[in-house]
């Protein structure tokens, strides 16, 4: 005669194991009811969407830094620096300019400090932002430009200090004469 006592205990063990696994899950449920001495209306004021800044909408945010280059080359006296905060989220579209500062240098040299003001409501933590800069001479000829991404973290609290933004010298080719030999 075969021993069948182990067959009758198998379903019982399965139920016990399932119950043991479900008990910790039930304990993880959070109690959403307000506790004694708490104000549910106060709690609602502090609830924010994921990625939303803690600053209130429309607060000004300052994005600042310094324009630098390593070469020891003096800028012409009439040089002008232009710094822009750009929304570079869309790959196949022109970047939207959120803020711009134009600095007439008037014989000043690098490092050139800049400070861009933008409303916190204009910064979306889901977008990508970058600072772009250029220095032109008095005739509008490009001398120096940023050639890499200088990202701005839109989810950061308060003002944003980028530090040094390194510029690259633009080498323009001399115009070719029409008389070729």
Protein backbone atom coordinates (compact mmCIF):
# COMPACT_ATOMS: atom_id res chain seq x y z
CA UNK A 1 0.00 0.00 0.00
CA UNK A 2 1.31 3.43 -0.96
CA UNK A 3 1.74 6.23 1.53
CA UNK A 4 -0.53 9.18 0.48
CA UNK A 5 -0.20 11.32 3.60
CA UNK A 6 2.27 13.68 1.87
CA UNK A 7 -0.27 14.36 -0.90
CA UNK A 8 -2.89 15.73 1.48
CA UNK A 9 -0.46 18.15 3.18
CA UNK A 10 0.84 19.68 -0.07
CA UNK A 11 -2.23 21.98 -0.67
CA UNK A 12 -2.13 22.99 2.98
CA UNK A 13 1.56 23.98 2.70
CA UNK A 14 0.86 25.97 -0.49
CA UNK A 15 -1.84 28.01 1.25
CA UNK A 16 0.40 28.62 4.25
CA UNK A 17 3.26 29.76 2.03
CA UNK A 18 0.97 32.13 0.08
CA UNK A 19 -0.33 33.63 3.32
CA UNK A 20 3.22 34.18 4.59
CA UNK A 21 4.12 36.01 1.38
CA UNK A 22 1.02 38.23 1.42
CA UNK A 23 1.31 39.38 5.05
CA UNK A 24 4.41 41.56 4.46
CA UNK A 25 2.73 43.12 1.40
CA UNK A 26 -0.32 44.06 3.45
CA UNK A 27 1.94 45.64 6.07
CA UNK A 28 3.52 47.87 3.39
CA UNK A 29 0.23 49.63 2.63
CA UNK A 30 0.41 53.27 3.72
CA UNK A 31 -2.29 54.76 5.88
CA UNK A 32 -3.48 57.84 3.95
CA UNK A 33 -5.70 59.14 6.76
CA UNK A 34 -4.33 62.16 8.62
CA UNK A 35 -2.86 61.46 11.99
CA UNK A 36 -3.88 63.27 15.17
CA UNK A 37 -2.72 66.88 15.27
CA UNK A 38 -2.09 67.19 11.53
CA UNK A 39 -3.79 69.59 9.18
CA UNK A 40 -4.84 67.89 5.91
CA UNK A 41 -5.09 71.28 4.16
CA UNK A 42 -1.46 72.06 5.06
CA UNK A 43 -0.40 68.69 3.62
CA UNK A 44 -2.17 69.49 0.34
CA UNK A 45 -0.16 72.72 -0.04
CA UNK A 46 3.11 70.80 -0.02
CA UNK A 47 2.11 68.16 -2.55
CA UNK A 48 3.95 68.76 -5.83
CA UNK A 49 4.08 67.04 -9.16
CA UNK A 50 7.16 64.85 -9.75
CA UNK A 51 10.05 67.00 -10.99
CA UNK A 52 8.27 70.26 -10.08
CA UNK A 53 10.52 72.92 -8.56
CA UNK A 54 10.02 73.90 -4.92
CA UNK A 55 10.06 77.57 -5.96
CA UNK A 56 6.72 79.13 -6.70
CA UNK A 57 5.81 79.68 -10.35
CA UNK A 58 7.29 82.82 -11.81
CA UNK A 59 10.09 83.34 -9.26
CA UNK A 60 13.18 84.70 -11.02
CA UNK A 61 16.12 82.34 -11.38
CA UNK A 62 19.62 83.67 -12.04
CA UNK A 63 21.95 81.63 -14.26
CA UNK A 64 25.47 83.02 -13.93
CA UNK A 65 29.06 82.23 -14.77
CA UNK A 66 32.19 83.59 -16.46
CA UNK A 67 33.30 83.50 -20.10
CA UNK A 68 36.96 82.47 -20.42
CA UNK A 69 39.50 81.30 -22.97
CA UNK A 70 43.00 79.99 -22.38
CA UNK A 71 44.93 81.84 -25.08
CA UNK A 72 46.61 85.07 -24.01
CA UNK A 73 45.02 87.21 -26.70
CA UNK A 74 43.58 90.63 -25.94
CA UNK A 75 40.08 91.45 -27.12
CA UNK A 76 39.60 94.53 -29.28
CA UNK A 77 38.26 97.55 -27.37
CA UNK A 78 34.89 97.51 -29.15
CA UNK A 79 34.24 93.77 -28.60
CA UNK A 80 30.81 92.58 -27.51
CA UNK A 81 29.85 89.33 -25.71
CA UNK A 82 26.45 87.70 -26.16
CA UNK A 83 25.27 84.98 -23.77
CA UNK A 84 22.01 83.05 -24.27
CA UNK A 85 20.05 80.50 -22.26
CA UNK A 86 18.57 78.07 -24.80
CA UNK A 87 15.93 75.34 -24.67
CA UNK A 88 17.65 72.58 -26.66
CA UNK A 89 15.03 69.88 -26.05
CA UNK A 90 13.96 69.38 -29.65
CA UNK A 91 16.65 67.79 -31.80
CA UNK A 92 15.43 68.90 -35.23
CA UNK A 93 14.24 72.39 -34.34
CA UNK A 94 16.01 75.67 -33.65
CA UNK A 95 16.71 76.26 -29.97
CA UNK A 96 14.32 78.66 -28.24
CA UNK A 97 16.04 81.61 -26.54
CA UNK A 98 14.77 82.00 -22.96
CA UNK A 99 17.18 84.74 -21.84
CA UNK A 100 19.92 86.80 -23.41
CA UNK A 101 22.56 89.23 -22.14
CA UNK A 102 24.69 91.42 -24.41
CA UNK A 103 27.79 92.90 -22.76
CA UNK A 104 29.67 95.78 -24.38
CA UNK A 105 33.19 94.98 -23.18
CA UNK A 106 34.73 98.47 -23.53
CA UNK A 107 38.36 97.28 -23.18
CA UNK A 108 37.54 94.62 -20.56
CA UNK A 109 39.20 91.23 -20.93
CA UNK A 110 38.39 87.68 -19.85
CA UNK A 111 37.05 86.43 -17.52
CA UNK A 112 33.77 88.11 -18.43
CA UNK A 113 31.02 87.63 -15.83
CA UNK A 114 27.43 87.12 -17.00
CA UNK A 115 24.07 86.80 -15.31
CA UNK A 116 20.89 85.69 -17.07
CA UNK A 117 17.47 86.13 -15.46
CA UNK A 118 14.67 83.72 -16.33
CA UNK A 119 11.32 83.04 -14.71
CA UNK A 120 11.15 79.70 -12.89
CA UNK A 121 7.83 79.10 -14.65
CA UNK A 122 9.68 79.13 -18.01
CA UNK A 123 11.93 76.22 -16.95
CA UNK A 124 10.47 72.74 -17.37
CA UNK A 125 12.46 70.00 -15.55
CA UNK A 126 11.64 67.63 -18.43
CA UNK A 127 13.44 69.85 -20.97
CA UNK A 128 17.14 70.29 -21.72
CA UNK A 129 18.76 73.72 -21.39
CA UNK A 130 22.15 75.02 -22.41
CA UNK A 131 24.13 78.26 -22.23
CA UNK A 132 25.69 79.48 -25.45
CA UNK A 133 28.12 82.41 -25.74
CA UNK A 134 29.98 84.32 -28.41
CA UNK A 135 32.32 87.30 -28.61
CA UNK A 136 32.32 89.51 -31.71
CA UNK A 137 34.41 92.50 -32.67
CA UNK A 138 32.88 95.92 -33.31
CA UNK A 139 32.12 94.99 -36.94
CA UNK A 140 30.17 91.88 -35.95
CA UNK A 141 32.92 89.41 -36.92
CA UNK A 142 32.85 86.33 -34.71
CA UNK A 143 36.04 85.94 -32.64
CA UNK A 144 35.20 83.39 -29.91
CA UNK A 145 32.32 80.92 -29.41
CA UNK A 146 31.22 78.01 -27.23
CA UNK A 147 31.66 74.73 -29.06
CA UNK A 148 30.30 72.34 -26.46
CA UNK A 149 27.16 71.82 -24.40
CA UNK A 150 27.00 73.77 -21.12
CA UNK A 151 23.95 72.24 -19.48
CA UNK A 152 21.64 73.93 -17.02
CA UNK A 153 19.77 71.78 -14.48
CA UNK A 154 16.20 73.12 -14.51
CA UNK A 155 15.23 71.07 -11.46
CA UNK A 156 17.89 72.69 -9.25
CA UNK A 157 16.71 74.85 -6.38
CA UNK A 158 17.59 78.55 -6.39
CA UNK A 159 20.13 80.33 -8.55
CA UNK A 160 22.42 78.36 -10.86
CA UNK A 161 26.18 79.04 -10.95
CA UNK A 162 27.86 77.46 -13.99
CA UNK A 163 31.42 78.53 -13.27
CA UNK A 164 33.78 79.03 -16.21
CA UNK A 165 32.39 78.66 -19.74
CA UNK A 166 35.33 78.05 -22.06
CA UNK A 167 35.24 79.68 -25.49
CA UNK A 168 37.05 78.51 -28.63
CA UNK A 169 38.75 80.90 -31.00
CA UNK A 170 37.18 81.17 -34.44
CA UNK A 171 39.76 81.09 -37.18
CA UNK A 172 38.45 82.81 -40.26
CA UNK A 173 39.98 82.10 -43.63
CA UNK A 174 41.34 85.08 -45.51
CA UNK A 175 39.28 85.87 -48.59
CA UNK A 176 40.69 84.30 -51.73
CA UNK A 177 41.52 86.63 -54.55
CA UNK A 178 39.75 86.12 -57.82
CA UNK A 179 43.00 86.19 -59.72
CA UNK A 180 44.24 82.63 -59.62
CA UNK A 181 47.45 81.65 -61.31
